[in-house]
């Protein structure tokens, strides 16, 4: 009621000489594909941490720039608000 395999023998499998070059090219192409994939994955593992670090640095620089510009603007507003009453009291002085 079944089949029991007791032995398996593989015969040499070689392509016919007429297509051997094409067969070898196909195998080489498969090996190249696998190699390119491994190289791309290695490159990604190498470059991604650097890119993340660059993003962090750029974000911190942008936040610092934002803080600096905001503080400068607030300082200019405070200076203007200090001068405004003096200007309103004597507009003619500032026009001369």
N, C-alpha and C. Protein backbone atom coordinates (compact mmCIF):
# COMPACT_ATOMS: atom_id res chain seq x y z
N UNK A 1 0.81 -1.18 0.00
CA UNK A 1 0.00 0.00 0.00
C UNK A 1 0.87 1.26 0.00
N UNK A 2 2.00 1.14 -0.43
CA UNK A 2 2.86 2.31 -0.50
C UNK A 2 4.14 1.98 -1.23
N UNK A 3 4.97 2.94 -1.29
CA UNK A 3 6.23 2.79 -1.99
C UNK A 3 7.33 3.17 -1.01
N UNK A 4 8.33 2.35 -0.92
CA UNK A 4 9.46 2.62 -0.05
C UNK A 4 10.68 2.80 -0.93
N UNK A 5 11.30 3.99 -0.81
CA UNK A 5 12.50 4.27 -1.59
C UNK A 5 13.69 3.84 -0.75
N UNK A 6 14.47 2.98 -1.30
CA UNK A 6 15.61 2.46 -0.55
C UNK A 6 16.94 3.03 -1.03
N UNK A 7 16.96 3.53 -2.26
CA UNK A 7 18.23 4.02 -2.80
C UNK A 7 17.93 4.99 -3.93
N UNK A 8 18.73 6.07 -4.00
CA UNK A 8 18.60 7.03 -5.09
C UNK A 8 19.98 7.24 -5.67
N UNK A 9 20.11 7.13 -6.96
CA UNK A 9 21.38 7.37 -7.64
C UNK A 9 21.18 8.51 -8.64
N UNK A 10 22.03 9.52 -8.53
CA UNK A 10 22.00 10.62 -9.49
C UNK A 10 23.07 10.40 -10.54
N UNK A 11 22.69 10.56 -11.75
CA UNK A 11 23.66 10.47 -12.83
C UNK A 11 24.20 11.88 -13.07
N UNK A 12 25.39 11.94 -13.60
CA UNK A 12 25.97 13.24 -13.94
C UNK A 12 25.04 13.94 -14.92
N UNK A 13 24.78 15.19 -14.63
CA UNK A 13 23.95 15.95 -15.56
C UNK A 13 24.81 17.05 -16.15
N UNK A 14 25.13 16.88 -17.38
CA UNK A 14 25.94 17.86 -18.10
C UNK A 14 25.17 18.30 -19.32
N UNK A 15 25.22 19.59 -19.59
CA UNK A 15 24.50 20.05 -20.77
C UNK A 15 25.21 19.58 -22.03
N UNK A 16 24.48 19.47 -23.09
CA UNK A 16 25.12 19.09 -24.35
C UNK A 16 26.16 20.15 -24.74
N UNK A 17 27.18 19.75 -25.43
CA UNK A 17 28.27 20.66 -25.79
C UNK A 17 27.77 21.83 -26.64
N UNK A 18 26.69 21.63 -27.37
CA UNK A 18 26.16 22.70 -28.21
C UNK A 18 25.64 23.87 -27.38
N UNK A 19 25.17 23.62 -26.17
CA UNK A 19 24.58 24.68 -25.34
C UNK A 19 25.39 24.93 -24.07
N UNK A 20 26.57 24.33 -23.97
CA UNK A 20 27.38 24.47 -22.75
C UNK A 20 27.73 25.92 -22.46
N UNK A 21 28.11 26.68 -23.49
CA UNK A 21 28.46 28.09 -23.26
C UNK A 21 27.26 28.88 -22.73
N UNK A 22 26.10 28.67 -23.30
CA UNK A 22 24.90 29.36 -22.83
C UNK A 22 24.55 28.92 -21.42
N UNK A 23 24.71 27.65 -21.13
CA UNK A 23 24.44 27.12 -19.80
C UNK A 23 25.38 27.75 -18.78
N UNK A 24 26.67 27.82 -19.13
CA UNK A 24 27.66 28.44 -18.24
C UNK A 24 27.35 29.93 -18.03
N UNK A 25 26.92 30.61 -19.08
CA UNK A 25 26.54 32.02 -18.96
C UNK A 25 25.35 32.19 -18.02
N UNK A 26 24.39 31.31 -18.11
CA UNK A 26 23.21 31.39 -17.24
C UNK A 26 23.60 31.18 -15.78
N UNK A 27 24.46 30.23 -15.52
CA UNK A 27 24.93 29.99 -14.15
C UNK A 27 25.73 31.19 -13.65
N UNK A 28 26.59 31.75 -14.49
CA UNK A 28 27.38 32.92 -14.10
C UNK A 28 26.46 34.10 -13.81
N UNK A 29 25.40 34.26 -14.59
CA UNK A 29 24.45 35.35 -14.36
C UNK A 29 23.75 35.19 -13.02
N UNK A 30 23.38 33.96 -12.67
CA UNK A 30 22.75 33.72 -11.37
C UNK A 30 23.72 34.04 -10.24
N UNK A 31 24.97 33.63 -10.39
CA UNK A 31 25.96 33.92 -9.36
C UNK A 31 26.21 35.42 -9.24
N UNK A 32 26.24 36.12 -10.39
CA UNK A 32 26.41 37.57 -10.37
C UNK A 32 25.24 38.25 -9.65
N UNK A 33 24.03 37.77 -9.93
CA UNK A 33 22.84 38.34 -9.28
C UNK A 33 22.95 38.20 -7.76
N UNK A 34 23.31 37.01 -7.31
CA UNK A 34 23.44 36.79 -5.86
C UNK A 34 24.53 37.67 -5.27
N UNK A 35 25.64 37.82 -5.99
CA UNK A 35 26.74 38.66 -5.52
C UNK A 35 26.30 40.12 -5.44
N UNK A 36 25.60 40.61 -6.47
CA UNK A 36 25.14 42.00 -6.47
C UNK A 36 24.17 42.26 -5.33
N UNK A 37 23.31 41.29 -5.06
CA UNK A 37 22.36 41.44 -3.95
C UNK A 37 23.12 41.54 -2.63
N UNK A 38 24.09 40.66 -2.43
CA UNK A 38 24.88 40.71 -1.19
C UNK A 38 25.63 42.04 -1.06
N UNK A 39 26.21 42.52 -2.17
CA UNK A 39 26.92 43.80 -2.13
C UNK A 39 25.98 44.96 -1.82
N UNK A 40 24.79 44.94 -2.40
CA UNK A 40 23.81 46.00 -2.15
C UNK A 40 23.36 45.98 -0.69
N UNK A 41 23.14 44.79 -0.15
CA UNK A 41 22.74 44.70 1.25
C UNK A 41 23.85 45.18 2.17
N UNK A 42 25.09 44.85 1.86
CA UNK A 42 26.23 45.32 2.66
C UNK A 42 26.34 46.84 2.58
N UNK A 43 26.15 47.39 1.40
CA UNK A 43 26.20 48.84 1.23
C UNK A 43 25.10 49.51 2.05
N UNK A 44 23.90 48.94 2.02
CA UNK A 44 22.79 49.51 2.79
C UNK A 44 23.09 49.47 4.28
N UNK A 45 23.66 48.37 4.76
CA UNK A 45 24.01 48.27 6.18
C UNK A 45 25.08 49.29 6.56
N UNK A 46 25.94 49.63 5.60
CA UNK A 46 27.01 50.60 5.87
C UNK A 46 26.49 52.03 5.81
N UNK A 47 25.67 52.35 4.82
CA UNK A 47 25.29 53.73 4.56
C UNK A 47 24.12 54.19 5.44
N UNK A 48 23.24 53.30 5.82
CA UNK A 48 22.05 53.71 6.58
C UNK A 48 22.39 54.37 7.91
N UNK A 49 23.28 53.81 8.72
CA UNK A 49 23.61 54.49 9.98
C UNK A 49 24.21 55.88 9.76
N UNK A 50 25.03 56.02 8.72
CA UNK A 50 25.60 57.34 8.41
C UNK A 50 24.50 58.32 8.02
N UNK A 51 23.56 57.86 7.23
CA UNK A 51 22.46 58.73 6.80
C UNK A 51 21.60 59.13 7.99
N UNK A 52 21.33 58.19 8.87
CA UNK A 52 20.54 58.51 10.07
C UNK A 52 21.28 59.54 10.94
N UNK A 53 22.59 59.38 11.07
CA UNK A 53 23.38 60.35 11.82
C UNK A 53 23.33 61.72 11.19
N UNK A 54 23.41 61.76 9.87
CA UNK A 54 23.34 63.03 9.15
C UNK A 54 21.97 63.69 9.36
N UNK A 55 20.92 62.90 9.33
CA UNK A 55 19.58 63.43 9.56
C UNK A 55 19.48 64.02 10.97
N UNK A 56 20.01 63.31 11.95
CA UNK A 56 19.98 63.81 13.33
C UNK A 56 20.74 65.12 13.44
N UNK A 57 21.93 65.17 12.83
CA UNK A 57 22.73 66.40 12.89
C UNK A 57 22.00 67.56 12.21
N UNK A 58 21.42 67.31 11.04
CA UNK A 58 20.71 68.37 10.32
C UNK A 58 19.49 68.85 11.11
N UNK A 59 18.80 67.92 11.75
CA UNK A 59 17.64 68.29 12.56
C UNK A 59 18.06 69.17 13.72
N UNK A 60 19.15 68.80 14.39
CA UNK A 60 19.64 69.60 15.51
C UNK A 60 20.08 70.98 15.05
N UNK A 61 20.75 71.05 13.90
CA UNK A 61 21.17 72.34 13.36
C UNK A 61 19.95 73.21 13.03
N UNK A 62 18.93 72.61 12.45
CA UNK A 62 17.72 73.36 12.10
C UNK A 62 17.02 73.86 13.35
N UNK A 63 16.96 73.02 14.37
CA UNK A 63 16.32 73.45 15.62
C UNK A 63 17.12 74.58 16.27
N UNK A 64 18.44 74.48 16.22
CA UNK A 64 19.28 75.55 16.76
C UNK A 64 19.09 76.84 15.99
N UNK A 65 19.02 76.74 14.67
CA UNK A 65 18.79 77.92 13.83
C UNK A 65 17.44 78.54 14.16
N UNK A 66 16.43 77.72 14.30
CA UNK A 66 15.09 78.21 14.64
C UNK A 66 15.11 78.95 15.97
N UNK A 67 15.77 78.37 16.95
CA UNK A 67 15.85 79.00 18.28
C UNK A 67 16.58 80.33 18.19
N UNK A 68 17.68 80.38 17.45
CA UNK A 68 18.46 81.61 17.33
C UNK A 68 17.65 82.70 16.64
N UNK A 69 17.00 82.36 15.54
CA UNK A 69 16.20 83.35 14.81
C UNK A 69 15.04 83.84 15.66
N UNK A 70 14.40 82.93 16.38
CA UNK A 70 13.28 83.31 17.25
C UNK A 70 13.75 84.28 18.33
N UNK A 71 14.88 83.97 18.98
CA UNK A 71 15.40 84.86 20.03
C UNK A 71 15.82 86.21 19.46
N UNK A 72 16.43 86.21 18.28
CA UNK A 72 16.80 87.49 17.65
C UNK A 72 15.55 88.32 17.36
N UNK A 73 14.52 87.68 16.83
CA UNK A 73 13.28 88.40 16.53
C UNK A 73 12.64 88.93 17.80
N UNK A 74 12.64 88.14 18.86
CA UNK A 74 12.07 88.60 20.12
C UNK A 74 12.87 89.78 20.68
N UNK A 75 14.18 89.75 20.51
CA UNK A 75 15.02 90.86 20.95
C UNK A 75 14.72 92.13 20.16
N UNK A 76 14.54 92.00 18.85
CA UNK A 76 14.20 93.16 18.03
C UNK A 76 12.83 93.72 18.40
N UNK A 77 11.88 92.85 18.68
CA UNK A 77 10.55 93.29 19.10
C UNK A 77 10.66 94.05 20.43
N UNK A 78 11.42 93.50 21.36
CA UNK A 78 11.58 94.17 22.66
C UNK A 78 12.22 95.54 22.49
N UNK A 79 13.22 95.63 21.61
CA UNK A 79 13.87 96.92 21.37
C UNK A 79 12.89 97.91 20.73
N UNK A 80 12.12 97.43 19.76
CA UNK A 80 11.12 98.28 19.12
C UNK A 80 10.08 98.75 20.12
N UNK A 81 9.61 97.83 20.95
CA UNK A 81 8.59 98.20 21.95
C UNK A 81 9.14 99.21 22.95
N UNK A 82 10.42 99.17 23.21
CA UNK A 82 11.04 100.15 24.12
C UNK A 82 11.13 101.52 23.45
N UNK A 83 11.43 101.53 22.14
CA UNK A 83 11.57 102.80 21.42
C UNK A 83 10.23 103.40 21.00
N UNK A 84 9.21 102.59 20.87
CA UNK A 84 7.92 103.06 20.37
C UNK A 84 7.33 104.21 21.19
N UNK A 85 7.28 104.12 22.51
CA UNK A 85 6.72 105.25 23.27
C UNK A 85 7.51 106.55 23.06
N UNK A 86 8.84 106.42 22.96
CA UNK A 86 9.65 107.60 22.74
C UNK A 86 9.36 108.20 21.37
N UNK A 87 9.19 107.36 20.37
CA UNK A 87 8.86 107.83 19.03
C UNK A 87 7.50 108.51 19.03
N UNK A 88 6.52 107.87 19.69
CA UNK A 88 5.18 108.44 19.71
C UNK A 88 5.15 109.78 20.44
N UNK A 89 6.03 109.95 21.43
CA UNK A 89 6.06 111.20 22.18
C UNK A 89 6.70 112.33 21.36
N UNK A 90 7.65 112.00 20.51
CA UNK A 90 8.35 113.05 19.74
C UNK A 90 8.62 112.56 18.32
N UNK A 91 7.61 112.47 17.51
CA UNK A 91 7.74 111.98 16.14
C UNK A 91 8.63 112.90 15.30
N UNK A 92 8.61 114.20 15.57
CA UNK A 92 9.39 115.15 14.79
C UNK A 92 10.89 114.93 14.95
N UNK A 93 11.33 114.51 16.12
CA UNK A 93 12.76 114.32 16.39
C UNK A 93 13.33 113.22 15.48
N UNK A 94 12.58 112.16 15.27
CA UNK A 94 13.08 111.05 14.47
C UNK A 94 13.03 111.36 12.98
N UNK A 95 12.29 112.35 12.58
CA UNK A 95 12.19 112.67 11.15
C UNK A 95 13.28 113.63 10.69
N UNK A 96 13.94 114.23 11.62
CA UNK A 96 15.01 115.18 11.25
C UNK A 96 16.33 114.51 11.05
